[in-house]
């Protein structure tokens, strides 16, 4: 889900054009292919950690999707602040690119939170 949303947002938002303006900072599409498996494994581990955090924060009452939206919202805000905007400060990229990335990552994590909520069911004691 995370990758599907990311692909859609890269297509819909002008992110690709913005990234091309900072070619000295980002890998080329060809070089990304060589390291993509590392990113996929890292995101799988991150998703497992988030699923565990969701289980810790899960409240049995209420609407599951609503809890997933709340969880995804919080993770999205965390990602935007701790990753995207932090990179804006330390990398030589433009504010427009950073804001577009913040929106894209926020939406990706929001969707991921909903998927986690739809999958998670607590063990019955």
PDB file of N, CA and C in Angstrom:
ATOM      1  N   UNK A   1       0.828  -1.188   0.000  1.00  0.00           N
ATOM      2  CA  UNK A   1       0.000   0.000   0.000  1.00  0.00           C
ATOM      3  C   UNK A   1       0.874   1.254   0.000  1.00  0.00           C
ATOM      4  N   UNK A   2       1.893   1.248   0.834  1.00  0.00           N
ATOM      5  CA  UNK A   2       2.787   2.401   0.924  1.00  0.00           C
ATOM      6  C   UNK A   2       3.399   2.718  -0.443  1.00  0.00           C
ATOM      7  N   UNK A   3       3.890   1.673  -1.132  1.00  0.00           N
ATOM      8  CA  UNK A   3       4.524   1.873  -2.432  1.00  0.00           C
ATOM      9  C   UNK A   3       3.506   2.272  -3.490  1.00  0.00           C
ATOM     10  N   UNK A   4       2.313   1.701  -3.434  1.00  0.00           N
ATOM     11  CA  UNK A   4       1.278   2.043  -4.411  1.00  0.00           C
ATOM     12  C   UNK A   4       0.873   3.505  -4.276  1.00  0.00           C
ATOM     13  N   UNK A   5       0.659   3.953  -3.053  1.00  0.00           N
ATOM     14  CA  UNK A   5       0.310   5.355  -2.830  1.00  0.00           C
ATOM     15  C   UNK A   5       1.468   6.247  -3.268  1.00  0.00           C
ATOM     16  N   UNK A   6       2.691   5.846  -2.946  1.00  0.00           N
ATOM     17  CA  UNK A   6       3.863   6.630  -3.345  1.00  0.00           C
ATOM     18  C   UNK A   6       3.960   6.770  -4.846  1.00  0.00           C
ATOM     19  N   UNK A   7       3.714   5.689  -5.571  1.00  0.00           N
ATOM     20  CA  UNK A   7       3.768   5.737  -7.028  1.00  0.00           C
ATOM     21  C   UNK A   7       2.703   6.679  -7.568  1.00  0.00           C
ATOM     22  N   UNK A   8       1.478   6.583  -7.031  1.00  0.00           N
ATOM     23  CA  UNK A   8       0.408   7.475  -7.478  1.00  0.00           C
ATOM     24  C   UNK A   8       0.738   8.938  -7.200  1.00  0.00           C
ATOM     25  N   UNK A   9       1.241   9.216  -6.005  1.00  0.00           N
ATOM     26  CA  UNK A   9       1.553  10.598  -5.656  1.00  0.00           C
ATOM     27  C   UNK A   9       2.708  11.140  -6.489  1.00  0.00           C
ATOM     28  N   UNK A  10       3.689  10.290  -6.783  1.00  0.00           N
ATOM     29  CA  UNK A  10       4.797  10.723  -7.635  1.00  0.00           C
ATOM     30  C   UNK A  10       4.275  11.065  -9.023  1.00  0.00           C
ATOM     31  N   UNK A  11       3.252  10.347  -9.460  1.00  0.00           N
ATOM     32  CA  UNK A  11       2.660  10.612 -10.771  1.00  0.00           C
ATOM     33  C   UNK A  11       1.759  11.844 -10.759  1.00  0.00           C
ATOM     34  N   UNK A  12       1.011  12.021  -9.664  1.00  0.00           N
ATOM     35  CA  UNK A  12       0.026  13.096  -9.609  1.00  0.00           C
ATOM     36  C   UNK A  12       0.622  14.433  -9.167  1.00  0.00           C
ATOM     37  N   UNK A  13       1.482  14.391  -8.178  1.00  0.00           N
ATOM     38  CA  UNK A  13       2.111  15.621  -7.707  1.00  0.00           C
ATOM     39  C   UNK A  13       3.331  15.925  -8.587  1.00  0.00           C
ATOM     40  N   UNK A  14       3.732  17.161  -8.663  1.00  0.00           N
ATOM     41  CA  UNK A  14       4.913  17.485  -9.483  1.00  0.00           C
ATOM     42  C   UNK A  14       6.234  17.137  -8.790  1.00  0.00           C
ATOM     43  N   UNK A  15       6.235  16.037  -8.042  1.00  0.00           N
ATOM     44  CA  UNK A  15       7.433  15.640  -7.300  1.00  0.00           C
ATOM     45  C   UNK A  15       8.592  15.276  -8.227  1.00  0.00           C
ATOM     46  N   UNK A  16       8.321  14.526  -9.273  1.00  0.00           N
ATOM     47  CA  UNK A  16       9.401  14.093 -10.165  1.00  0.00           C
ATOM     48  C   UNK A  16      10.120  15.292 -10.776  1.00  0.00           C
ATOM     49  N   UNK A  17       9.355  16.300 -11.184  1.00  0.00           N
ATOM     50  CA  UNK A  17       9.983  17.507 -11.748  1.00  0.00           C
ATOM     51  C   UNK A  17      10.831  18.234 -10.706  1.00  0.00           C
ATOM     52  N   UNK A  18      10.333  18.291  -9.485  1.00  0.00           N
ATOM     53  CA  UNK A  18      11.082  18.948  -8.411  1.00  0.00           C
ATOM     54  C   UNK A  18      12.366  18.186  -8.096  1.00  0.00           C
ATOM     55  N   UNK A  19      12.282  16.863  -8.044  1.00  0.00           N
ATOM     56  CA  UNK A  19      13.457  16.042  -7.732  1.00  0.00           C
ATOM     57  C   UNK A  19      14.532  16.228  -8.793  1.00  0.00           C
ATOM     58  N   UNK A  20      14.125  16.321 -10.068  1.00  0.00           N
ATOM     59  CA  UNK A  20      15.101  16.512 -11.152  1.00  0.00           C
ATOM     60  C   UNK A  20      15.901  17.807 -10.988  1.00  0.00           C
ATOM     61  N   UNK A  21      15.325  18.791 -10.339  1.00  0.00           N
ATOM     62  CA  UNK A  21      16.028  20.059 -10.123  1.00  0.00           C
ATOM     63  C   UNK A  21      17.175  19.913  -9.131  1.00  0.00           C
ATOM     64  N   UNK A  22      17.169  18.843  -8.364  1.00  0.00           N
ATOM     65  CA  UNK A  22      18.196  18.623  -7.352  1.00  0.00           C
ATOM     66  C   UNK A  22      18.933  17.317  -7.637  1.00  0.00           C
ATOM     67  N   UNK A  23      19.318  17.145  -8.895  1.00  0.00           N
ATOM     68  CA  UNK A  23      19.957  15.899  -9.348  1.00  0.00           C
ATOM     69  C   UNK A  23      21.252  15.594  -8.595  1.00  0.00           C
ATOM     70  N   UNK A  24      21.924  16.612  -8.110  1.00  0.00           N
ATOM     71  CA  UNK A  24      23.174  16.388  -7.376  1.00  0.00           C
ATOM     72  C   UNK A  24      22.918  15.743  -6.012  1.00  0.00           C
ATOM     73  N   UNK A  25      21.709  15.832  -5.515  1.00  0.00           N
ATOM     74  CA  UNK A  25      21.372  15.317  -4.191  1.00  0.00           C
ATOM     75  C   UNK A  25      20.795  13.897  -4.264  1.00  0.00           C
ATOM     76  N   UNK A  26      20.044  13.606  -5.310  1.00  0.00           N
ATOM     77  CA  UNK A  26      19.322  12.337  -5.407  1.00  0.00           C
ATOM     78  C   UNK A  26      19.966  11.382  -6.401  1.00  0.00           C
ATOM     79  N   UNK A  27      19.770  10.094  -6.171  1.00  0.00           N
ATOM     80  CA  UNK A  27      20.265   9.055  -7.073  1.00  0.00           C
ATOM     81  C   UNK A  27      19.484   9.093  -8.387  1.00  0.00           C
ATOM     82  N   UNK A  28      20.125   8.615  -9.439  1.00  0.00           N
ATOM     83  CA  UNK A  28      19.439   8.466 -10.717  1.00  0.00           C
ATOM     84  C   UNK A  28      18.515   7.252 -10.638  1.00  0.00           C
ATOM     85  N   UNK A  29      17.514   7.183 -11.509  1.00  0.00           N
ATOM     86  CA  UNK A  29      16.640   5.995 -11.498  1.00  0.00           C
ATOM     87  C   UNK A  29      17.421   4.687 -11.674  1.00  0.00           C
ATOM     88  N   UNK A  30      18.473   4.714 -12.471  1.00  0.00           N
ATOM     89  CA  UNK A  30      19.273   3.502 -12.670  1.00  0.00           C
ATOM     90  C   UNK A  30      19.987   3.086 -11.385  1.00  0.00           C
ATOM     91  N   UNK A  31      20.553   4.046 -10.667  1.00  0.00           N
ATOM     92  CA  UNK A  31      21.276   3.691  -9.443  1.00  0.00           C
ATOM     93  C   UNK A  31      20.319   3.333  -8.305  1.00  0.00           C
ATOM     94  N   UNK A  32      19.100   3.840  -8.360  1.00  0.00           N
ATOM     95  CA  UNK A  32      18.095   3.470  -7.346  1.00  0.00           C
ATOM     96  C   UNK A  32      17.781   1.984  -7.450  1.00  0.00           C
ATOM     97  N   UNK A  33      17.730   1.471  -8.680  1.00  0.00           N
ATOM     98  CA  UNK A  33      17.414   0.048  -8.876  1.00  0.00           C
ATOM     99  C   UNK A  33      18.406  -0.855  -8.144  1.00  0.00           C
ATOM    100  N   UNK A  34      19.661  -0.423  -8.052  1.00  0.00           N
ATOM    101  CA  UNK A  34      20.678  -1.246  -7.377  1.00  0.00           C
ATOM    102  C   UNK A  34      20.457  -1.307  -5.869  1.00  0.00           C
ATOM    103  N   UNK A  35      19.934  -0.242  -5.282  1.00  0.00           N
ATOM    104  CA  UNK A  35      19.771  -0.198  -3.822  1.00  0.00           C
ATOM    105  C   UNK A  35      18.317  -0.323  -3.374  1.00  0.00           C
ATOM    106  N   UNK A  36      17.396  -0.451  -4.304  1.00  0.00           N
ATOM    107  CA  UNK A  36      15.971  -0.551  -3.966  1.00  0.00           C
ATOM    108  C   UNK A  36      15.670  -1.693  -2.993  1.00  0.00           C
ATOM    109  N   UNK A  37      16.308  -2.875  -3.135  1.00  0.00           N
ATOM    110  CA  UNK A  37      16.012  -3.939  -2.161  1.00  0.00           C
ATOM    111  C   UNK A  37      16.307  -3.536  -0.717  1.00  0.00           C
ATOM    112  N   UNK A  38      17.332  -2.745  -0.504  1.00  0.00           N
ATOM    113  CA  UNK A  38      17.639  -2.266   0.856  1.00  0.00           C
ATOM    114  C   UNK A  38      16.483  -1.422   1.375  1.00  0.00           C
ATOM    115  N   UNK A  39      15.973  -0.540   0.536  1.00  0.00           N
ATOM    116  CA  UNK A  39      14.846   0.302   0.933  1.00  0.00           C
ATOM    117  C   UNK A  39      13.596  -0.499   1.220  1.00  0.00           C
ATOM    118  N   UNK A  40      13.356  -1.530   0.412  1.00  0.00           N
ATOM    119  CA  UNK A  40      12.165  -2.355   0.621  1.00  0.00           C
ATOM    120  C   UNK A  40      12.246  -3.147   1.922  1.00  0.00           C
ATOM    121  N   UNK A  41      13.407  -3.698   2.202  1.00  0.00           N
ATOM    122  CA  UNK A  41      13.584  -4.436   3.456  1.00  0.00           C
ATOM    123  C   UNK A  41      13.450  -3.480   4.640  1.00  0.00           C
ATOM    124  N   UNK A  42      14.052  -2.303   4.529  1.00  0.00           N
ATOM    125  CA  UNK A  42      13.967  -1.322   5.609  1.00  0.00           C
ATOM    126  C   UNK A  42      12.520  -0.915   5.860  1.00  0.00           C
ATOM    127  N   UNK A  43      11.734  -0.708   4.800  1.00  0.00           N
ATOM    128  CA  UNK A  43      10.333  -0.340   4.985  1.00  0.00           C
ATOM    129  C   UNK A  43       9.519  -1.502   5.548  1.00  0.00           C
ATOM    130  N   UNK A  44       9.840  -2.726   5.184  1.00  0.00           N
ATOM    131  CA  UNK A  44       9.161  -3.881   5.761  1.00  0.00           C
ATOM    132  C   UNK A  44       9.404  -3.942   7.268  1.00  0.00           C
ATOM    133  N   UNK A  45      10.650  -3.735   7.682  1.00  0.00           N
ATOM    134  CA  UNK A  45      10.977  -3.726   9.112  1.00  0.00           C
ATOM    135  C   UNK A  45      10.253  -2.561   9.799  1.00  0.00           C
ATOM    136  N   UNK A  46      10.239  -1.402   9.155  1.00  0.00           N
ATOM    137  CA  UNK A  46       9.544  -0.241   9.726  1.00  0.00           C
ATOM    138  C   UNK A  46       8.052  -0.511   9.863  1.00  0.00           C
ATOM    139  N   UNK A  47       7.454  -1.143   8.860  1.00  0.00           N
ATOM    140  CA  UNK A  47       6.023  -1.472   8.925  1.00  0.00           C
ATOM    141  C   UNK A  47       5.734  -2.449  10.066  1.00  0.00           C
ATOM    142  N   UNK A  48       6.616  -3.415  10.274  1.00  0.00           N
ATOM    143  CA  UNK A  48       6.420  -4.356  11.383  1.00  0.00           C
ATOM    144  C   UNK A  48       6.504  -3.620  12.715  1.00  0.00           C
ATOM    145  N   UNK A  49       7.435  -2.684  12.827  1.00  0.00           N
ATOM    146  CA  UNK A  49       7.535  -1.891  14.057  1.00  0.00           C
ATOM    147  C   UNK A  49       6.269  -1.057  14.255  1.00  0.00           C
ATOM    148  N   UNK A  50       5.757  -0.476  13.182  1.00  0.00           N
ATOM    149  CA  UNK A  50       4.532   0.313  13.300  1.00  0.00           C
ATOM    150  C   UNK A  50       3.332  -0.561  13.647  1.00  0.00           C
ATOM    151  N   UNK A  51       3.276  -1.759  13.090  1.00  0.00           N
ATOM    152  CA  UNK A  51       2.184  -2.671  13.440  1.00  0.00           C
ATOM    153  C   UNK A  51       2.241  -3.020  14.927  1.00  0.00           C
ATOM    154  N   UNK A  52       3.452  -3.218  15.449  1.00  0.00           N
ATOM    155  CA  UNK A  52       3.603  -3.494  16.883  1.00  0.00           C
ATOM    156  C   UNK A  52       3.186  -2.282  17.715  1.00  0.00           C
ATOM    157  N   UNK A  53       3.552  -1.099  17.287  1.00  0.00           N
ATOM    158  CA  UNK A  53       3.127   0.114  17.994  1.00  0.00           C
ATOM    159  C   UNK A  53       1.614   0.279  17.941  1.00  0.00           C
ATOM    160  N   UNK A  54       1.030  -0.029  16.790  1.00  0.00           N
ATOM    161  CA  UNK A  54      -0.425   0.049  16.670  1.00  0.00           C
ATOM    162  C   UNK A  54      -1.089  -0.899  17.670  1.00  0.00           C
ATOM    163  N   UNK A  55      -0.554  -2.111  17.775  1.00  0.00           N
ATOM    164  CA  UNK A  55      -1.111  -3.088  18.718  1.00  0.00           C
ATOM    165  C   UNK A  55      -1.024  -2.569  20.154  1.00  0.00           C
ATOM    166  N   UNK A  56       0.056  -1.884  20.485  1.00  0.00           N
ATOM    167  CA  UNK A  56       0.197  -1.331  21.833  1.00  0.00           C
ATOM    168  C   UNK A  56      -0.800  -0.201  22.088  1.00  0.00           C
ATOM    169  N   UNK A  57      -1.099   0.567  21.050  1.00  0.00           N
ATOM    170  CA  UNK A  57      -1.991   1.720  21.205  1.00  0.00           C
ATOM    171  C   UNK A  57      -3.446   1.379  20.924  1.00  0.00           C
ATOM    172  N   UNK A  58      -3.716   0.170  20.449  1.00  0.00           N
ATOM    173  CA  UNK A  58      -5.056  -0.217  20.026  1.00  0.00           C
ATOM    174  C   UNK A  58      -6.035  -0.181  21.181  1.00  0.00           C
ATOM    175  N   UNK A  59      -7.189   0.410  20.922  1.00  0.00           N
ATOM    176  CA  UNK A  59      -8.302   0.395  21.868  1.00  0.00           C
ATOM    177  C   UNK A  59      -9.402  -0.443  21.240  1.00  0.00           C
ATOM    178  N   UNK A  60      -9.882  -1.400  21.945  1.00  0.00           N
ATOM    179  CA  UNK A  60     -10.878  -2.313  21.393  1.00  0.00           C
ATOM    180  C   UNK A  60     -12.203  -1.669  21.057  1.00  0.00           C
ATOM    181  N   UNK A  61     -12.438  -0.481  21.557  1.00  0.00           N
ATOM    182  CA  UNK A  61     -13.710   0.179  21.302  1.00  0.00           C
ATOM    183  C   UNK A  61     -13.609   1.060  20.064  1.00  0.00           C
ATOM    184  N   UNK A  62     -14.704   1.275  19.430  1.00  0.00           N
ATOM    185  CA  UNK A  62     -14.732   2.229  18.330  1.00  0.00           C
ATOM    186  C   UNK A  62     -14.526   1.607  16.962  1.00  0.00           C
ATOM    187  N   UNK A  63     -14.394   2.466  16.020  1.00  0.00           N
ATOM    188  CA  UNK A  63     -14.304   2.148  14.606  1.00  0.00           C
ATOM    189  C   UNK A  63     -12.851   1.869  14.238  1.00  0.00           C
ATOM    190  N   UNK A  64     -12.571   0.663  13.749  1.00  0.00           N
ATOM    191  CA  UNK A  64     -11.189   0.273  13.429  1.00  0.00           C
ATOM    192  C   UNK A  64     -10.532   1.224  12.429  1.00  0.00           C
ATOM    193  N   UNK A  65     -11.240   1.560  11.366  1.00  0.00           N
ATOM    194  CA  UNK A  65     -10.656   2.434  10.344  1.00  0.00           C
ATOM    195  C   UNK A  65     -10.334   3.803  10.942  1.00  0.00           C
ATOM    196  N   UNK A  66     -11.211   4.291  11.809  1.00  0.00           N
ATOM    197  CA  UNK A  66     -10.951   5.569  12.472  1.00  0.00           C
ATOM    198  C   UNK A  66      -9.689   5.520  13.314  1.00  0.00           C
ATOM    199  N   UNK A  67      -9.462   4.398  13.983  1.00  0.00           N
ATOM    200  CA  UNK A  67      -8.232   4.248  14.769  1.00  0.00           C
ATOM    201  C   UNK A  67      -7.020   4.202  13.845  1.00  0.00           C
ATOM    202  N   UNK A  68      -7.180   3.565  12.684  1.00  0.00           N
ATOM    203  CA  UNK A  68      -6.089   3.522  11.715  1.00  0.00           C
ATOM    204  C   UNK A  68      -5.781   4.894  11.150  1.00  0.00           C
ATOM    205  N   UNK A  69      -6.821   5.680  10.899  1.00  0.00           N
ATOM    206  CA  UNK A  69      -6.618   7.054  10.408  1.00  0.00           C
ATOM    207  C   UNK A  69      -5.872   7.871  11.459  1.00  0.00           C
ATOM    208  N   UNK A  70      -6.298   7.751  12.705  1.00  0.00           N
ATOM    209  CA  UNK A  70      -5.623   8.486  13.782  1.00  0.00           C
ATOM    210  C   UNK A  70      -4.156   8.071  13.887  1.00  0.00           C
ATOM    211  N   UNK A  71      -3.909   6.765  13.844  1.00  0.00           N
ATOM    212  CA  UNK A  71      -2.546   6.259  13.932  1.00  0.00           C
ATOM    213  C   UNK A  71      -1.715   6.716  12.731  1.00  0.00           C
ATOM    214  N   UNK A  72      -2.264   6.561  11.530  1.00  0.00           N
ATOM    215  CA  UNK A  72      -1.561   7.001  10.328  1.00  0.00           C
ATOM    216  C   UNK A  72      -1.293   8.494  10.326  1.00  0.00           C
ATOM    217  N   UNK A  73      -2.240   9.278  10.842  1.00  0.00           N
ATOM    218  CA  UNK A  73      -2.056  10.720  10.955  1.00  0.00           C
ATOM    219  C   UNK A  73      -0.847  11.035  11.835  1.00  0.00           C
ATOM    220  N   UNK A  74      -0.784  10.389  12.980  1.00  0.00           N
ATOM    221  CA  UNK A  74       0.333  10.642  13.896  1.00  0.00           C
ATOM    222  C   UNK A  74       1.669  10.214  13.303  1.00  0.00           C
ATOM    223  N   UNK A  75       1.694   9.064  12.632  1.00  0.00           N
ATOM    224  CA  UNK A  75       2.935   8.610  11.993  1.00  0.00           C
ATOM    225  C   UNK A  75       3.304   9.553  10.857  1.00  0.00           C
ATOM    226  N   UNK A  76       2.318  10.009  10.100  1.00  0.00           N
ATOM    227  CA  UNK A  76       2.571  10.961   9.012  1.00  0.00           C
ATOM    228  C   UNK A  76       3.146  12.269   9.509  1.00  0.00           C
ATOM    229  N   UNK A  77       2.618  12.773  10.591  1.00  0.00           N
ATOM    230  CA  UNK A  77       3.157  14.005  11.187  1.00  0.00           C
ATOM    231  C   UNK A  77       4.587  13.772  11.671  1.00  0.00           C
ATOM    232  N   UNK A  78       4.816  12.630  12.303  1.00  0.00           N
ATOM    233  CA  UNK A  78       6.165  12.283  12.761  1.00  0.00           C
ATOM    234  C   UNK A  78       7.129  12.203  11.575  1.00  0.00           C
ATOM    235  N   UNK A  79       6.737  11.529  10.499  1.00  0.00           N
ATOM    236  CA  UNK A  79       7.606  11.385   9.323  1.00  0.00           C
ATOM    237  C   UNK A  79       7.900  12.730   8.679  1.00  0.00           C
ATOM    238  N   UNK A  80       6.881  13.570   8.578  1.00  0.00           N
ATOM    239  CA  UNK A  80       7.085  14.888   7.964  1.00  0.00           C
ATOM    240  C   UNK A  80       8.065  15.727   8.788  1.00  0.00           C
ATOM    241  N   UNK A  81       7.914  15.682  10.100  1.00  0.00           N
ATOM    242  CA  UNK A  81       8.782  16.497  10.951  1.00  0.00           C
ATOM    243  C   UNK A  81      10.167  15.929  11.150  1.00  0.00           C
ATOM    244  N   UNK A  82      10.252  14.618  11.324  1.00  0.00           N
ATOM    245  CA  UNK A  82      11.547  14.021  11.662  1.00  0.00           C
ATOM    246  C   UNK A  82      12.365  13.638  10.441  1.00  0.00           C
ATOM    247  N   UNK A  83      11.736  13.511   9.304  1.00  0.00           N
ATOM    248  CA  UNK A  83      12.462  13.091   8.112  1.00  0.00           C
ATOM    249  C   UNK A  83      12.472  14.186   7.050  1.00  0.00           C
ATOM    250  N   UNK A  84      11.308  14.532   6.545  1.00  0.00           N
ATOM    251  CA  UNK A  84      11.237  15.440   5.399  1.00  0.00           C
ATOM    252  C   UNK A  84      11.740  16.836   5.749  1.00  0.00           C
ATOM    253  N   UNK A  85      11.163  17.447   6.737  1.00  0.00           N
ATOM    254  CA  UNK A  85      11.568  18.819   7.058  1.00  0.00           C
ATOM    255  C   UNK A  85      12.963  18.860   7.667  1.00  0.00           C
ATOM    256  N   UNK A  86      13.342  17.801   8.340  1.00  0.00           N
ATOM    257  CA  UNK A  86      14.716  17.711   8.837  1.00  0.00           C
ATOM    258  C   UNK A  86      15.683  17.660   7.660  1.00  0.00           C
ATOM    259  N   UNK A  87      15.338  16.905   6.614  1.00  0.00           N
ATOM    260  CA  UNK A  87      16.181  16.862   5.417  1.00  0.00           C
ATOM    261  C   UNK A  87      16.229  18.210   4.711  1.00  0.00           C
ATOM    262  N   UNK A  88      15.142  18.958   4.758  1.00  0.00           N
ATOM    263  CA  UNK A  88      15.141  20.297   4.162  1.00  0.00           C
ATOM    264  C   UNK A  88      16.225  21.169   4.809  1.00  0.00           C
ATOM    265  N   UNK A  89      16.408  20.980   6.088  1.00  0.00           N
ATOM    266  CA  UNK A  89      17.430  21.754   6.805  1.00  0.00           C
ATOM    267  C   UNK A  89      18.832  21.276   6.452  1.00  0.00           C
ATOM    268  N   UNK A  90      19.033  19.966   6.333  1.00  0.00           N
ATOM    269  CA  UNK A  90      20.392  19.457   6.153  1.00  0.00           C
ATOM    270  C   UNK A  90      20.788  19.212   4.696  1.00  0.00           C
ATOM    271  N   UNK A  91      19.828  19.052   3.795  1.00  0.00           N
ATOM    272  CA  UNK A  91      20.146  18.871   2.374  1.00  0.00           C
ATOM    273  C   UNK A  91      19.891  20.175   1.626  1.00  0.00           C
ATOM    274  N   UNK A  92      20.542  20.310   0.516  1.00  0.00           N
ATOM    275  CA  UNK A  92      20.384  21.520  -0.285  1.00  0.00           C
ATOM    276  C   UNK A  92      19.237  21.320  -1.283  1.00  0.00           C
ATOM    277  N   UNK A  93      18.008  21.266  -0.734  1.00  0.00           N
ATOM    278  CA  UNK A  93      16.816  21.117  -1.568  1.00  0.00           C
ATOM    279  C   UNK A  93      15.896  22.298  -1.318  1.00  0.00           C
ATOM    280  N   UNK A  94      14.974  22.504  -2.249  1.00  0.00           N
ATOM    281  CA  UNK A  94      14.056  23.632  -2.143  1.00  0.00           C
ATOM    282  C   UNK A  94      12.886  23.358  -1.209  1.00  0.00           C
ATOM    283  N   UNK A  95      12.296  24.431  -0.724  1.00  0.00           N
ATOM    284  CA  UNK A  95      11.151  24.319   0.180  1.00  0.00           C
ATOM    285  C   UNK A  95       9.962  23.659  -0.519  1.00  0.00           C
ATOM    286  N   UNK A  96       9.745  23.993  -1.785  1.00  0.00           N
ATOM    287  CA  UNK A  96       8.624  23.383  -2.517  1.00  0.00           C
ATOM    288  C   UNK A  96       8.762  21.862  -2.559  1.00  0.00           C
ATOM    289  N   UNK A  97       9.959  21.371  -2.849  1.00  0.00           N
ATOM    290  CA  UNK A  97      10.183  19.932  -2.872  1.00  0.00           C
ATOM    291  C   UNK A  97       9.929  19.336  -1.490  1.00  0.00           C
ATOM    292  N   UNK A  98      10.432  19.975  -0.451  1.00  0.00           N
ATOM    293  CA  UNK A  98      10.240  19.464   0.910  1.00  0.00           C
ATOM    294  C   UNK A  98       8.751  19.413   1.269  1.00  0.00           C
ATOM    295  N   UNK A  99       8.006  20.427   0.911  1.00  0.00           N
ATOM    296  CA  UNK A  99       6.576  20.437   1.230  1.00  0.00           C
ATOM    297  C   UNK A  99       5.812  19.383   0.436  1.00  0.00           C
ATOM    298  N   UNK A 100       6.173  19.208  -0.846  1.00  0.00           N
ATOM    299  CA  UNK A 100       5.535  18.157  -1.639  1.00  0.00           C
ATOM    300  C   UNK A 100       5.856  16.774  -1.076  1.00  0.00           C
ATOM    301  N   UNK A 101       7.089  16.583  -0.657  1.00  0.00           N
ATOM    302  CA  UNK A 101       7.460  15.306  -0.035  1.00  0.00           C
ATOM    303  C   UNK A 101       6.693  15.106   1.269  1.00  0.00           C
ATOM    304  N   UNK A 102       6.561  16.155   2.047  1.00  0.00           N
ATOM    305  CA  UNK A 102       5.826  16.051   3.316  1.00  0.00           C
ATOM    306  C   UNK A 102       4.390  15.616   3.057  1.00  0.00           C
ATOM    307  N   UNK A 103       3.748  16.201   2.058  1.00  0.00           N
ATOM    308  CA  UNK A 103       2.377  15.812   1.714  1.00  0.00           C
ATOM    309  C   UNK A 103       2.339  14.354   1.264  1.00  0.00           C
ATOM    310  N   UNK A 104       3.270  13.977   0.393  1.00  0.00           N
ATOM    311  CA  UNK A 104       3.291  12.606  -0.139  1.00  0.00           C
ATOM    312  C   UNK A 104       3.500  11.587   0.982  1.00  0.00           C
ATOM    313  N   UNK A 105       4.498  11.798   1.825  1.00  0.00           N
ATOM    314  CA  UNK A 105       4.759  10.849   2.909  1.00  0.00           C
ATOM    315  C   UNK A 105       3.615  10.818   3.907  1.00  0.00           C
ATOM    316  N   UNK A 106       3.027  11.972   4.182  1.00  0.00           N
ATOM    317  CA  UNK A 106       1.897  12.020   5.099  1.00  0.00           C
ATOM    318  C   UNK A 106       0.756  11.151   4.575  1.00  0.00           C
ATOM    319  N   UNK A 107       0.414  11.297   3.301  1.00  0.00           N
ATOM    320  CA  UNK A 107      -0.671  10.519   2.711  1.00  0.00           C
ATOM    321  C   UNK A 107      -0.313   9.030   2.693  1.00  0.00           C
ATOM    322  N   UNK A 108       0.951   8.708   2.389  1.00  0.00           N
ATOM    323  CA  UNK A 108       1.372   7.304   2.398  1.00  0.00           C
ATOM    324  C   UNK A 108       1.209   6.684   3.780  1.00  0.00           C
ATOM    325  N   UNK A 109       1.631   7.390   4.815  1.00  0.00           N
ATOM    326  CA  UNK A 109       1.522   6.823   6.167  1.00  0.00           C
ATOM    327  C   UNK A 109       0.082   6.809   6.654  1.00  0.00           C
ATOM    328  N   UNK A 110      -0.708   7.761   6.218  1.00  0.00           N
ATOM    329  CA  UNK A 110      -2.125   7.749   6.558  1.00  0.00           C
ATOM    330  C   UNK A 110      -2.772   6.491   5.986  1.00  0.00           C
ATOM    331  N   UNK A 111      -2.507   6.198   4.722  1.00  0.00           N
ATOM    332  CA  UNK A 111      -3.027   4.984   4.104  1.00  0.00           C
ATOM    333  C   UNK A 111      -2.503   3.731   4.769  1.00  0.00           C
ATOM    334  N   UNK A 112      -1.232   3.737   5.134  1.00  0.00           N
ATOM    335  CA  UNK A 112      -0.650   2.575   5.811  1.00  0.00           C
ATOM    336  C   UNK A 112      -1.306   2.339   7.163  1.00  0.00           C
ATOM    337  N   UNK A 113      -1.629   3.403   7.875  1.00  0.00           N
ATOM    338  CA  UNK A 113      -2.321   3.265   9.159  1.00  0.00           C
ATOM    339  C   UNK A 113      -3.686   2.621   8.991  1.00  0.00           C
ATOM    340  N   UNK A 114      -4.389   2.987   7.936  1.00  0.00           N
ATOM    341  CA  UNK A 114      -5.699   2.387   7.673  1.00  0.00           C
ATOM    342  C   UNK A 114      -5.546   0.900   7.357  1.00  0.00           C
ATOM    343  N   UNK A 115      -4.546   0.546   6.541  1.00  0.00           N
ATOM    344  CA  UNK A 115      -4.329  -0.858   6.197  1.00  0.00           C
ATOM    345  C   UNK A 115      -3.965  -1.671   7.443  1.00  0.00           C
ATOM    346  N   UNK A 116      -3.107  -1.128   8.275  1.00  0.00           N
ATOM    347  CA  UNK A 116      -2.749  -1.819   9.523  1.00  0.00           C
ATOM    348  C   UNK A 116      -4.001  -2.047  10.367  1.00  0.00           C
ATOM    349  N   UNK A 117      -4.867  -1.032  10.450  1.00  0.00           N
ATOM    350  CA  UNK A 117      -6.093  -1.165  11.245  1.00  0.00           C
ATOM    351  C   UNK A 117      -7.037  -2.210  10.660  1.00  0.00           C
ATOM    352  N   UNK A 118      -7.076  -2.298   9.350  1.00  0.00           N
ATOM    353  CA  UNK A 118      -7.963  -3.286   8.721  1.00  0.00           C
ATOM    354  C   UNK A 118      -7.457  -4.715   8.918  1.00  0.00           C
ATOM    355  N   UNK A 119      -6.145  -4.876   9.033  1.00  0.00           N
ATOM    356  CA  UNK A 119      -5.557  -6.201   9.194  1.00  0.00           C
ATOM    357  C   UNK A 119      -5.529  -6.638  10.650  1.00  0.00           C
ATOM    358  N   UNK A 120      -5.231  -5.728  11.569  1.00  0.00           N
ATOM    359  CA  UNK A 120      -4.986  -6.073  12.971  1.00  0.00           C
ATOM    360  C   UNK A 120      -6.275  -6.518  13.664  1.00  0.00           C
ATOM    361  N   UNK A 121      -6.177  -7.619  14.334  1.00  0.00           N
ATOM    362  CA  UNK A 121      -7.231  -8.079  15.223  1.00  0.00           C
ATOM    363  C   UNK A 121      -6.563  -8.611  16.476  1.00  0.00           C
ATOM    364  N   UNK A 122      -6.963  -8.120  17.640  1.00  0.00           N
ATOM    365  CA  UNK A 122      -6.310  -8.584  18.881  1.00  0.00           C
ATOM    366  C   UNK A 122      -6.613 -10.050  19.151  1.00  0.00           C
ATOM    367  N   UNK A 123      -5.691 -10.703  19.830  1.00  0.00           N
ATOM    368  CA  UNK A 123      -5.898 -12.095  20.213  1.00  0.00           C
ATOM    369  C   UNK A 123      -7.009 -12.175  21.249  1.00  0.00           C
ATOM    370  N   UNK A 124      -7.830 -13.182  21.113  1.00  0.00           N
ATOM    371  CA  UNK A 124      -8.916 -13.386  22.089  1.00  0.00           C
ATOM    372  C   UNK A 124      -8.391 -14.207  23.242  1.00  0.00           C
ATOM    373  N   UNK A 125      -8.619 -13.702  24.419  1.00  0.00           N
ATOM    374  CA  UNK A 125      -8.144 -14.420  25.618  1.00  0.00           C
ATOM    375  C   UNK A 125      -9.212 -15.318  26.167  1.00  0.00           C
TER     376      UNK A 125
END
